[in-house]
Amino acid sequence: MEIFESLIPVGIVLLCIAGVVALGAMAYLFITLTKSMKETFEKVDPLVVEAKSLLLNVSIR
């Protein structure tokens, strides 16, 4: 029984380390996703402006 009682602090430390690693992975994912969305918006923005101008030209005629 003493063996299992001595392993409890080790398990708690491992659980805390796993939590920190998971938070780091989530932060990395969030940063990567944000950069990807920004790059995509920069590529799509000129197309949106062009589509708006075409729609305005069609609706005016």
C-alpha atoms as a PDB file:
ATOM      1  CA  MET A   1       0.000   0.000   0.000  1.00  0.00           C
ATOM      2  CA  GLU A   2       2.891   2.355   0.723  1.00  0.00           C
ATOM      3  CA  ILE A   3       4.125   1.943  -2.843  1.00  0.00           C
ATOM      4  CA  PHE A   4       0.870   3.317  -4.249  1.00  0.00           C
ATOM      5  CA  GLU A   5       0.788   6.142  -1.716  1.00  0.00           C
ATOM      6  CA  SER A   6       4.281   7.213  -2.774  1.00  0.00           C
ATOM      7  CA  LEU A   7       3.199   7.260  -6.443  1.00  0.00           C
ATOM      8  CA  ILE A   8       0.354   9.737  -5.855  1.00  0.00           C
ATOM      9  CA  PRO A   9       2.618  12.849  -5.847  1.00  0.00           C
ATOM     10  CA  VAL A  10       4.341  11.586  -8.995  1.00  0.00           C
ATOM     11  CA  GLY A  11       0.965  11.192 -10.693  1.00  0.00           C
ATOM     12  CA  ILE A  12      -0.077  14.694  -9.694  1.00  0.00           C
ATOM     13  CA  VAL A  13       3.160  16.144 -11.081  1.00  0.00           C
ATOM     14  CA  LEU A  14       2.713  14.218 -14.347  1.00  0.00           C
ATOM     15  CA  LEU A  15      -0.880  15.428 -14.591  1.00  0.00           C
ATOM     16  CA  CYS A  16       0.239  19.044 -14.135  1.00  0.00           C
ATOM     17  CA  ILE A  17       2.940  18.627 -16.784  1.00  0.00           C
ATOM     18  CA  ALA A  18       0.381  17.150 -19.180  1.00  0.00           C
ATOM     19  CA  GLY A  19      -1.906  20.133 -18.540  1.00  0.00           C
ATOM     20  CA  VAL A  20       0.862  22.613 -19.274  1.00  0.00           C
ATOM     21  CA  VAL A  21       1.758  20.761 -22.482  1.00  0.00           C
ATOM     22  CA  ALA A  22      -1.908  20.762 -23.541  1.00  0.00           C
ATOM     23  CA  LEU A  23      -2.188  24.518 -22.903  1.00  0.00           C
ATOM     24  CA  GLY A  24       0.960  25.104 -24.945  1.00  0.00           C
ATOM     25  CA  ALA A  25      -0.418  23.035 -27.816  1.00  0.00           C
ATOM     26  CA  MET A  26      -3.707  24.951 -27.733  1.00  0.00           C
ATOM     27  CA  ALA A  27      -1.860  28.288 -27.772  1.00  0.00           C
ATOM     28  CA  TYR A  28       0.235  27.135 -30.742  1.00  0.00           C
ATOM     29  CA  LEU A  29      -2.911  25.999 -32.566  1.00  0.00           C
ATOM     30  CA  PHE A  30      -4.639  29.334 -31.890  1.00  0.00           C
ATOM     31  CA  ILE A  31      -1.648  31.361 -33.119  1.00  0.00           C
ATOM     32  CA  THR A  32      -1.278  29.213 -36.243  1.00  0.00           C
ATOM     33  CA  LEU A  33      -5.001  29.427 -36.991  1.00  0.00           C
ATOM     34  CA  THR A  34      -4.983  33.203 -36.561  1.00  0.00           C
ATOM     35  CA  LYS A  35      -2.043  33.602 -38.949  1.00  0.00           C
ATOM     36  CA  SER A  36      -3.705  31.332 -41.493  1.00  0.00           C
ATOM     37  CA  MET A  37      -6.974  33.280 -41.336  1.00  0.00           C
ATOM     38  CA  LYS A  38      -5.121  36.586 -41.731  1.00  0.00           C
ATOM     39  CA  GLU A  39      -3.221  35.341 -44.794  1.00  0.00           C
ATOM     40  CA  THR A  40      -6.420  33.986 -46.332  1.00  0.00           C
ATOM     41  CA  PHE A  41      -8.252  37.266 -45.778  1.00  0.00           C
ATOM     42  CA  GLU A  42      -5.404  39.202 -47.396  1.00  0.00           C
ATOM     43  CA  LYS A  43      -5.644  36.954 -50.474  1.00  0.00           C
ATOM     44  CA  VAL A  44      -9.443  37.094 -50.698  1.00  0.00           C
ATOM     45  CA  ASP A  45      -9.900  40.815 -49.994  1.00  0.00           C
ATOM     46  CA  PRO A  46      -9.029  42.033 -53.531  1.00  0.00           C
ATOM     47  CA  LEU A  47     -11.481  39.506 -54.959  1.00  0.00           C
ATOM     48  CA  VAL A  48     -14.232  40.798 -52.682  1.00  0.00           C
ATOM     49  CA  VAL A  49     -13.560  44.392 -53.717  1.00  0.00           C
ATOM     50  CA  GLU A  50     -13.657  43.387 -57.391  1.00  0.00           C
ATOM     51  CA  ALA A  51     -16.913  41.476 -56.918  1.00  0.00           C
ATOM     52  CA  LYS A  52     -18.504  44.467 -55.174  1.00  0.00           C
ATOM     53  CA  SER A  53     -17.508  46.802 -57.990  1.00  0.00           C
ATOM     54  CA  LEU A  54     -18.883  44.385 -60.598  1.00  0.00           C
ATOM     55  CA  LEU A  55     -22.174  44.087 -58.737  1.00  0.00           C
ATOM     56  CA  LEU A  56     -22.467  47.857 -58.460  1.00  0.00           C
ATOM     57  CA  ASN A  57     -21.800  48.249 -62.189  1.00  0.00           C
ATOM     58  CA  VAL A  58     -24.445  45.657 -63.050  1.00  0.00           C
ATOM     59  CA  SER A  59     -27.058  47.156 -60.732  1.00  0.00           C
ATOM     60  CA  ILE A  60     -26.480  50.690 -62.074  1.00  0.00           C
ATOM     61  CA  ARG A  61     -27.087  49.636 -65.689  1.00  0.00           C
END
